[in-house]
């Protein structure tokens, strides 16, 4: 039983669910940003986030901002290296 709890805790550290209704994780949002999502409307169209109960909206916006910021930083580093 303790091993199972440890595994669940380990997985919980790396997977943050943003939308429980749709099973959307922070990683899904990061991938959507890499694929061109720039707004909540984009996330809604690509992932269906916020279409059920809507309680994920603020967390989804925060993840979108962070992922967009990380994407911009990564792009800037790419140009600097070239």
PDB file of N, CA and C in Angstrom:
ATOM      1  N   UNK A   1       0.830  -1.204   0.000  1.00  0.00           N
ATOM      2  CA  UNK A   1       0.000   0.000   0.000  1.00  0.00           C
ATOM      3  C   UNK A   1       0.869   1.260   0.000  1.00  0.00           C
ATOM      4  N   UNK A   2       1.928   1.256   0.800  1.00  0.00           N
ATOM      5  CA  UNK A   2       2.813   2.415   0.864  1.00  0.00           C
ATOM      6  C   UNK A   2       3.471   2.675  -0.488  1.00  0.00           C
ATOM      7  N   UNK A   3       3.838   1.612  -1.196  1.00  0.00           N
ATOM      8  CA  UNK A   3       4.453   1.779  -2.514  1.00  0.00           C
ATOM      9  C   UNK A   3       3.484   2.453  -3.474  1.00  0.00           C
ATOM     10  N   UNK A   4       2.227   2.052  -3.423  1.00  0.00           N
ATOM     11  CA  UNK A   4       1.215   2.650  -4.303  1.00  0.00           C
ATOM     12  C   UNK A   4       1.042   4.132  -3.991  1.00  0.00           C
ATOM     13  N   UNK A   5       1.029   4.475  -2.727  1.00  0.00           N
ATOM     14  CA  UNK A   5       0.910   5.887  -2.328  1.00  0.00           C
ATOM     15  C   UNK A   5       2.105   6.678  -2.830  1.00  0.00           C
ATOM     16  N   UNK A   6       3.303   6.115  -2.705  1.00  0.00           N
ATOM     17  CA  UNK A   6       4.512   6.801  -3.182  1.00  0.00           C
ATOM     18  C   UNK A   6       4.468   7.017  -4.685  1.00  0.00           C
ATOM     19  N   UNK A   7       3.971   6.029  -5.425  1.00  0.00           N
ATOM     20  CA  UNK A   7       3.859   6.166  -6.880  1.00  0.00           C
ATOM     21  C   UNK A   7       2.871   7.264  -7.227  1.00  0.00           C
ATOM     22  N   UNK A   8       1.743   7.301  -6.559  1.00  0.00           N
ATOM     23  CA  UNK A   8       0.743   8.336  -6.816  1.00  0.00           C
ATOM     24  C   UNK A   8       1.318   9.717  -6.510  1.00  0.00           C
ATOM     25  N   UNK A   9       2.042   9.845  -5.414  1.00  0.00           N
ATOM     26  CA  UNK A   9       2.641  11.136  -5.069  1.00  0.00           C
ATOM     27  C   UNK A   9       3.695  11.540  -6.092  1.00  0.00           C
ATOM     28  N   UNK A  10       4.463  10.578  -6.593  1.00  0.00           N
ATOM     29  CA  UNK A  10       5.470  10.866  -7.605  1.00  0.00           C
ATOM     30  C   UNK A  10       4.820  11.356  -8.887  1.00  0.00           C
ATOM     31  N   UNK A  11       3.767  10.708  -9.326  1.00  0.00           N
ATOM     32  CA  UNK A  11       3.058  11.121 -10.530  1.00  0.00           C
ATOM     33  C   UNK A  11       2.426  12.496 -10.327  1.00  0.00           C
ATOM     34  N   UNK A  12       1.877  12.739  -9.144  1.00  0.00           N
ATOM     35  CA  UNK A  12       1.220  14.020  -8.867  1.00  0.00           C
ATOM     36  C   UNK A  12       2.207  15.181  -8.955  1.00  0.00           C
ATOM     37  N   UNK A  13       3.468  14.941  -8.691  1.00  0.00           N
ATOM     38  CA  UNK A  13       4.470  16.011  -8.793  1.00  0.00           C
ATOM     39  C   UNK A  13       4.688  16.441 -10.231  1.00  0.00           C
ATOM     40  N   UNK A  14       4.507  15.553 -11.166  1.00  0.00           N
ATOM     41  CA  UNK A  14       4.827  15.838 -12.555  1.00  0.00           C
ATOM     42  C   UNK A  14       3.607  16.085 -13.440  1.00  0.00           C
ATOM     43  N   UNK A  15       2.422  15.777 -12.948  1.00  0.00           N
ATOM     44  CA  UNK A  15       1.207  15.960 -13.736  1.00  0.00           C
ATOM     45  C   UNK A  15       0.247  16.832 -12.948  1.00  0.00           C
ATOM     46  N   UNK A  16       0.016  18.032 -13.450  1.00  0.00           N
ATOM     47  CA  UNK A  16      -0.953  18.900 -12.801  1.00  0.00           C
ATOM     48  C   UNK A  16      -2.173  19.009 -13.698  1.00  0.00           C
ATOM     49  N   UNK A  17      -3.290  18.497 -13.186  1.00  0.00           N
ATOM     50  CA  UNK A  17      -4.531  18.607 -13.940  1.00  0.00           C
ATOM     51  C   UNK A  17      -5.075  20.022 -13.803  1.00  0.00           C
ATOM     52  N   UNK A  18      -5.378  20.624 -14.922  1.00  0.00           N
ATOM     53  CA  UNK A  18      -5.946  21.964 -14.959  1.00  0.00           C
ATOM     54  C   UNK A  18      -7.460  21.857 -15.097  1.00  0.00           C
ATOM     55  N   UNK A  19      -7.911  20.973 -15.956  1.00  0.00           N
ATOM     56  CA  UNK A  19      -9.344  20.763 -16.197  1.00  0.00           C
ATOM     57  C   UNK A  19      -9.676  19.301 -15.921  1.00  0.00           C
ATOM     58  N   UNK A  20     -10.337  19.077 -14.804  1.00  0.00           N
ATOM     59  CA  UNK A  20     -10.713  17.722 -14.434  1.00  0.00           C
ATOM     60  C   UNK A  20     -11.815  17.199 -15.357  1.00  0.00           C
ATOM     61  N   UNK A  21     -12.721  18.055 -15.756  1.00  0.00           N
ATOM     62  CA  UNK A  21     -13.837  17.632 -16.615  1.00  0.00           C
ATOM     63  C   UNK A  21     -13.339  16.991 -17.907  1.00  0.00           C
ATOM     64  N   UNK A  22     -12.313  17.586 -18.491  1.00  0.00           N
ATOM     65  CA  UNK A  22     -11.785  17.117 -19.779  1.00  0.00           C
ATOM     66  C   UNK A  22     -10.477  16.338 -19.643  1.00  0.00           C
ATOM     67  N   UNK A  23      -9.926  16.265 -18.426  1.00  0.00           N
ATOM     68  CA  UNK A  23      -8.666  15.546 -18.216  1.00  0.00           C
ATOM     69  C   UNK A  23      -7.474  16.250 -18.844  1.00  0.00           C
ATOM     70  N   UNK A  24      -7.512  17.579 -18.849  1.00  0.00           N
ATOM     71  CA  UNK A  24      -6.459  18.373 -19.476  1.00  0.00           C
ATOM     72  C   UNK A  24      -5.410  18.742 -18.428  1.00  0.00           C
ATOM     73  N   UNK A  25      -4.164  18.469 -18.763  1.00  0.00           N
ATOM     74  CA  UNK A  25      -3.060  18.763 -17.853  1.00  0.00           C
ATOM     75  C   UNK A  25      -2.287  19.990 -18.319  1.00  0.00           C
ATOM     76  N   UNK A  26      -1.399  20.420 -17.460  1.00  0.00           N
ATOM     77  CA  UNK A  26      -0.515  21.536 -17.789  1.00  0.00           C
ATOM     78  C   UNK A  26       0.303  21.208 -19.044  1.00  0.00           C
ATOM     79  N   UNK A  27       0.680  19.954 -19.187  1.00  0.00           N
ATOM     80  CA  UNK A  27       1.446  19.530 -20.373  1.00  0.00           C
ATOM     81  C   UNK A  27       0.641  19.687 -21.654  1.00  0.00           C
ATOM     82  N   UNK A  28      -0.661  19.423 -21.586  1.00  0.00           N
ATOM     83  CA  UNK A  28      -1.515  19.623 -22.757  1.00  0.00           C
ATOM     84  C   UNK A  28      -1.525  21.098 -23.170  1.00  0.00           C
ATOM     85  N   UNK A  29      -1.594  21.974 -22.185  1.00  0.00           N
ATOM     86  CA  UNK A  29      -1.609  23.414 -22.478  1.00  0.00           C
ATOM     87  C   UNK A  29      -0.271  23.840 -23.061  1.00  0.00           C
ATOM     88  N   UNK A  30       0.821  23.342 -22.507  1.00  0.00           N
ATOM     89  CA  UNK A  30       2.145  23.664 -23.041  1.00  0.00           C
ATOM     90  C   UNK A  30       2.268  23.210 -24.487  1.00  0.00           C
ATOM     91  N   UNK A  31       1.759  22.021 -24.791  1.00  0.00           N
ATOM     92  CA  UNK A  31       1.799  21.516 -26.168  1.00  0.00           C
ATOM     93  C   UNK A  31       0.939  22.376 -27.088  1.00  0.00           C
ATOM     94  N   UNK A  32      -0.213  22.801 -26.600  1.00  0.00           N
ATOM     95  CA  UNK A  32      -1.090  23.657 -27.405  1.00  0.00           C
ATOM     96  C   UNK A  32      -0.406  24.987 -27.721  1.00  0.00           C
ATOM     97  N   UNK A  33       0.328  25.534 -26.750  1.00  0.00           N
ATOM     98  CA  UNK A  33       1.068  26.780 -26.979  1.00  0.00           C
ATOM     99  C   UNK A  33       2.156  26.549 -28.028  1.00  0.00           C
ATOM    100  N   UNK A  34       2.846  25.429 -27.931  1.00  0.00           N
ATOM    101  CA  UNK A  34       3.856  25.112 -28.952  1.00  0.00           C
ATOM    102  C   UNK A  34       3.215  24.987 -30.338  1.00  0.00           C
ATOM    103  N   UNK A  35       1.952  24.548 -30.363  1.00  0.00           N
ATOM    104  CA  UNK A  35       1.230  24.400 -31.627  1.00  0.00           C
ATOM    105  C   UNK A  35       0.533  25.681 -32.077  1.00  0.00           C
ATOM    106  N   UNK A  36       0.737  26.769 -31.329  1.00  0.00           N
ATOM    107  CA  UNK A  36       0.227  28.059 -31.780  1.00  0.00           C
ATOM    108  C   UNK A  36      -0.865  28.703 -30.945  1.00  0.00           C
ATOM    109  N   UNK A  37      -1.331  28.057 -29.883  1.00  0.00           N
ATOM    110  CA  UNK A  37      -2.365  28.675 -29.033  1.00  0.00           C
ATOM    111  C   UNK A  37      -1.801  29.913 -28.358  1.00  0.00           C
ATOM    112  N   UNK A  38      -2.554  31.007 -28.400  1.00  0.00           N
ATOM    113  CA  UNK A  38      -2.114  32.259 -27.787  1.00  0.00           C
ATOM    114  C   UNK A  38      -3.174  32.859 -26.869  1.00  0.00           C
ATOM    115  N   UNK A  39      -4.361  32.266 -26.850  1.00  0.00           N
ATOM    116  CA  UNK A  39      -5.451  32.830 -26.050  1.00  0.00           C
ATOM    117  C   UNK A  39      -6.310  31.701 -25.487  1.00  0.00           C
ATOM    118  N   UNK A  40      -7.204  32.075 -24.557  1.00  0.00           N
ATOM    119  CA  UNK A  40      -8.137  31.096 -24.021  1.00  0.00           C
ATOM    120  C   UNK A  40      -9.048  30.577 -25.130  1.00  0.00           C
ATOM    121  N   UNK A  41      -9.388  31.443 -26.070  1.00  0.00           N
ATOM    122  CA  UNK A  41     -10.213  31.010 -27.205  1.00  0.00           C
ATOM    123  C   UNK A  41      -9.507  29.899 -27.977  1.00  0.00           C
ATOM    124  N   UNK A  42      -8.194  30.067 -28.181  1.00  0.00           N
ATOM    125  CA  UNK A  42      -7.403  29.034 -28.864  1.00  0.00           C
ATOM    126  C   UNK A  42      -7.417  27.731 -28.074  1.00  0.00           C
ATOM    127  N   UNK A  43      -7.229  27.836 -26.754  1.00  0.00           N
ATOM    128  CA  UNK A  43      -7.241  26.629 -25.912  1.00  0.00           C
ATOM    129  C   UNK A  43      -8.604  25.950 -25.954  1.00  0.00           C
ATOM    130  N   UNK A  44      -9.643  26.748 -25.945  1.00  0.00           N
ATOM    131  CA  UNK A  44     -11.007  26.202 -26.009  1.00  0.00           C
ATOM    132  C   UNK A  44     -11.213  25.452 -27.322  1.00  0.00           C
ATOM    133  N   UNK A  45     -10.729  26.031 -28.403  1.00  0.00           N
ATOM    134  CA  UNK A  45     -10.889  25.393 -29.715  1.00  0.00           C
ATOM    135  C   UNK A  45     -10.042  24.132 -29.844  1.00  0.00           C
ATOM    136  N   UNK A  46      -8.805  24.191 -29.344  1.00  0.00           N
ATOM    137  CA  UNK A  46      -7.891  23.057 -29.493  1.00  0.00           C
ATOM    138  C   UNK A  46      -8.161  21.941 -28.489  1.00  0.00           C
ATOM    139  N   UNK A  47      -8.463  22.317 -27.230  1.00  0.00           N
ATOM    140  CA  UNK A  47      -8.557  21.327 -26.154  1.00  0.00           C
ATOM    141  C   UNK A  47      -9.950  21.165 -25.563  1.00  0.00           C
ATOM    142  N   UNK A  48     -10.812  22.123 -25.803  1.00  0.00           N
ATOM    143  CA  UNK A  48     -12.138  22.083 -25.193  1.00  0.00           C
ATOM    144  C   UNK A  48     -12.139  22.515 -23.743  1.00  0.00           C
ATOM    145  N   UNK A  49     -11.071  23.191 -23.327  1.00  0.00           N
ATOM    146  CA  UNK A  49     -10.949  23.605 -21.930  1.00  0.00           C
ATOM    147  C   UNK A  49     -11.971  24.694 -21.608  1.00  0.00           C
ATOM    148  N   UNK A  50     -12.575  24.603 -20.444  1.00  0.00           N
ATOM    149  CA  UNK A  50     -13.524  25.601 -19.984  1.00  0.00           C
ATOM    150  C   UNK A  50     -14.924  25.447 -20.531  1.00  0.00           C
ATOM    151  N   UNK A  51     -15.189  24.393 -21.272  1.00  0.00           N
ATOM    152  CA  UNK A  51     -16.507  24.228 -21.879  1.00  0.00           C
ATOM    153  C   UNK A  51     -17.506  23.515 -20.969  1.00  0.00           C
ATOM    154  N   UNK A  52     -17.028  22.841 -19.942  1.00  0.00           N
ATOM    155  CA  UNK A  52     -17.928  22.108 -19.050  1.00  0.00           C
ATOM    156  C   UNK A  52     -18.378  23.024 -17.912  1.00  0.00           C
ATOM    157  N   UNK A  53     -17.681  22.962 -16.770  1.00  0.00           N
ATOM    158  CA  UNK A  53     -18.109  23.737 -15.601  1.00  0.00           C
ATOM    159  C   UNK A  53     -17.464  25.120 -15.531  1.00  0.00           C
ATOM    160  N   UNK A  54     -16.323  25.302 -16.212  1.00  0.00           N
ATOM    161  CA  UNK A  54     -15.676  26.604 -16.261  1.00  0.00           C
ATOM    162  C   UNK A  54     -14.779  26.940 -15.081  1.00  0.00           C
ATOM    163  N   UNK A  55     -14.723  26.071 -14.076  1.00  0.00           N
ATOM    164  CA  UNK A  55     -13.919  26.409 -12.889  1.00  0.00           C
ATOM    165  C   UNK A  55     -12.411  26.339 -13.147  1.00  0.00           C
ATOM    166  N   UNK A  56     -12.010  25.837 -14.289  1.00  0.00           N
ATOM    167  CA  UNK A  56     -10.584  25.739 -14.617  1.00  0.00           C
ATOM    168  C   UNK A  56     -10.052  27.016 -15.274  1.00  0.00           C
ATOM    169  N   UNK A  57     -10.911  27.964 -15.550  1.00  0.00           N
ATOM    170  CA  UNK A  57     -10.529  29.147 -16.316  1.00  0.00           C
ATOM    171  C   UNK A  57      -9.321  29.892 -15.796  1.00  0.00           C
ATOM    172  N   UNK A  58      -9.301  30.209 -14.511  1.00  0.00           N
ATOM    173  CA  UNK A  58      -8.179  31.002 -13.989  1.00  0.00           C
ATOM    174  C   UNK A  58      -6.879  30.204 -14.010  1.00  0.00           C
ATOM    175  N   UNK A  59      -6.943  28.920 -13.695  1.00  0.00           N
ATOM    176  CA  UNK A  59      -5.731  28.083 -13.736  1.00  0.00           C
ATOM    177  C   UNK A  59      -5.247  27.918 -15.173  1.00  0.00           C
ATOM    178  N   UNK A  60      -6.178  27.756 -16.090  1.00  0.00           N
ATOM    179  CA  UNK A  60      -5.812  27.609 -17.497  1.00  0.00           C
ATOM    180  C   UNK A  60      -5.141  28.883 -18.017  1.00  0.00           C
ATOM    181  N   UNK A  61      -5.667  30.042 -17.626  1.00  0.00           N
ATOM    182  CA  UNK A  61      -5.062  31.319 -18.049  1.00  0.00           C
ATOM    183  C   UNK A  61      -3.643  31.451 -17.507  1.00  0.00           C
ATOM    184  N   UNK A  62      -3.456  31.054 -16.258  1.00  0.00           N
ATOM    185  CA  UNK A  62      -2.127  31.129 -15.658  1.00  0.00           C
ATOM    186  C   UNK A  62      -1.159  30.199 -16.395  1.00  0.00           C
ATOM    187  N   UNK A  63      -1.580  28.981 -16.673  1.00  0.00           N
ATOM    188  CA  UNK A  63      -0.733  28.037 -17.405  1.00  0.00           C
ATOM    189  C   UNK A  63      -0.427  28.553 -18.803  1.00  0.00           C
ATOM    190  N   UNK A  64      -1.422  29.157 -19.442  1.00  0.00           N
ATOM    191  CA  UNK A  64      -1.233  29.740 -20.771  1.00  0.00           C
ATOM    192  C   UNK A  64      -0.184  30.846 -20.725  1.00  0.00           C
ATOM    193  N   UNK A  65      -0.284  31.736 -19.731  1.00  0.00           N
ATOM    194  CA  UNK A  65       0.703  32.817 -19.596  1.00  0.00           C
ATOM    195  C   UNK A  65       2.103  32.253 -19.376  1.00  0.00           C
ATOM    196  N   UNK A  66       2.216  31.274 -18.478  1.00  0.00           N
ATOM    197  CA  UNK A  66       3.529  30.689 -18.182  1.00  0.00           C
ATOM    198  C   UNK A  66       4.106  29.984 -19.406  1.00  0.00           C
ATOM    199  N   UNK A  67       3.274  29.203 -20.080  1.00  0.00           N
ATOM    200  CA  UNK A  67       3.746  28.478 -21.262  1.00  0.00           C
ATOM    201  C   UNK A  67       4.137  29.447 -22.375  1.00  0.00           C
ATOM    202  N   UNK A  68       3.364  30.506 -22.548  1.00  0.00           N
ATOM    203  CA  UNK A  68       3.683  31.508 -23.562  1.00  0.00           C
ATOM    204  C   UNK A  68       4.993  32.215 -23.234  1.00  0.00           C
ATOM    205  N   UNK A  69       5.177  32.520 -21.954  1.00  0.00           N
ATOM    206  CA  UNK A  69       6.404  33.171 -21.508  1.00  0.00           C
ATOM    207  C   UNK A  69       7.608  32.250 -21.738  1.00  0.00           C
ATOM    208  N   UNK A  70       7.453  30.986 -21.402  1.00  0.00           N
ATOM    209  CA  UNK A  70       8.537  30.022 -21.611  1.00  0.00           C
ATOM    210  C   UNK A  70       8.830  29.852 -23.094  1.00  0.00           C
ATOM    211  N   UNK A  71       7.799  29.851 -23.914  1.00  0.00           N
ATOM    212  CA  UNK A  71       7.954  29.722 -25.362  1.00  0.00           C
ATOM    213  C   UNK A  71       8.727  30.915 -25.914  1.00  0.00           C
ATOM    214  N   UNK A  72       8.393  32.118 -25.442  1.00  0.00           N
ATOM    215  CA  UNK A  72       9.078  33.331 -25.874  1.00  0.00           C
ATOM    216  C   UNK A  72      10.537  33.304 -25.442  1.00  0.00           C
ATOM    217  N   UNK A  73      10.790  32.881 -24.211  1.00  0.00           N
ATOM    218  CA  UNK A  73      12.166  32.799 -23.710  1.00  0.00           C
ATOM    219  C   UNK A  73      12.984  31.815 -24.510  1.00  0.00           C
ATOM    220  N   UNK A  74      12.399  30.678 -24.827  1.00  0.00           N
ATOM    221  CA  UNK A  74      13.091  29.658 -25.612  1.00  0.00           C
ATOM    222  C   UNK A  74      13.385  30.169 -27.009  1.00  0.00           C
ATOM    223  N   UNK A  75      12.446  30.874 -27.611  1.00  0.00           N
ATOM    224  CA  UNK A  75      12.645  31.429 -28.949  1.00  0.00           C
ATOM    225  C   UNK A  75      13.755  32.464 -28.929  1.00  0.00           C
ATOM    226  N   UNK A  76      13.793  33.288 -27.888  1.00  0.00           N
ATOM    227  CA  UNK A  76      14.837  34.306 -27.782  1.00  0.00           C
ATOM    228  C   UNK A  76      16.204  33.670 -27.658  1.00  0.00           C
ATOM    229  N   UNK A  77      16.286  32.568 -26.905  1.00  0.00           N
ATOM    230  CA  UNK A  77      17.572  31.871 -26.770  1.00  0.00           C
ATOM    231  C   UNK A  77      17.995  31.266 -28.090  1.00  0.00           C
ATOM    232  N   UNK A  78      17.060  30.772 -28.872  1.00  0.00           N
ATOM    233  CA  UNK A  78      17.369  30.185 -30.174  1.00  0.00           C
ATOM    234  C   UNK A  78      17.983  31.234 -31.091  1.00  0.00           C
ATOM    235  N   UNK A  79      17.390  32.422 -31.113  1.00  0.00           N
ATOM    236  CA  UNK A  79      17.901  33.489 -31.976  1.00  0.00           C
ATOM    237  C   UNK A  79      19.273  33.968 -31.500  1.00  0.00           C
ATOM    238  N   UNK A  80      19.468  34.001 -30.181  1.00  0.00           N
ATOM    239  CA  UNK A  80      20.747  34.464 -29.638  1.00  0.00           C
ATOM    240  C   UNK A  80      21.868  33.494 -30.013  1.00  0.00           C
ATOM    241  N   UNK A  81      21.558  32.196 -30.066  1.00  0.00           N
ATOM    242  CA  UNK A  81      22.567  31.186 -30.376  1.00  0.00           C
ATOM    243  C   UNK A  81      22.915  31.175 -31.862  1.00  0.00           C
ATOM    244  N   UNK A  82      22.015  31.664 -32.690  1.00  0.00           N
ATOM    245  CA  UNK A  82      22.229  31.604 -34.150  1.00  0.00           C
ATOM    246  C   UNK A  82      23.146  32.650 -34.658  1.00  0.00           C
TER     247      UNK A  82
END
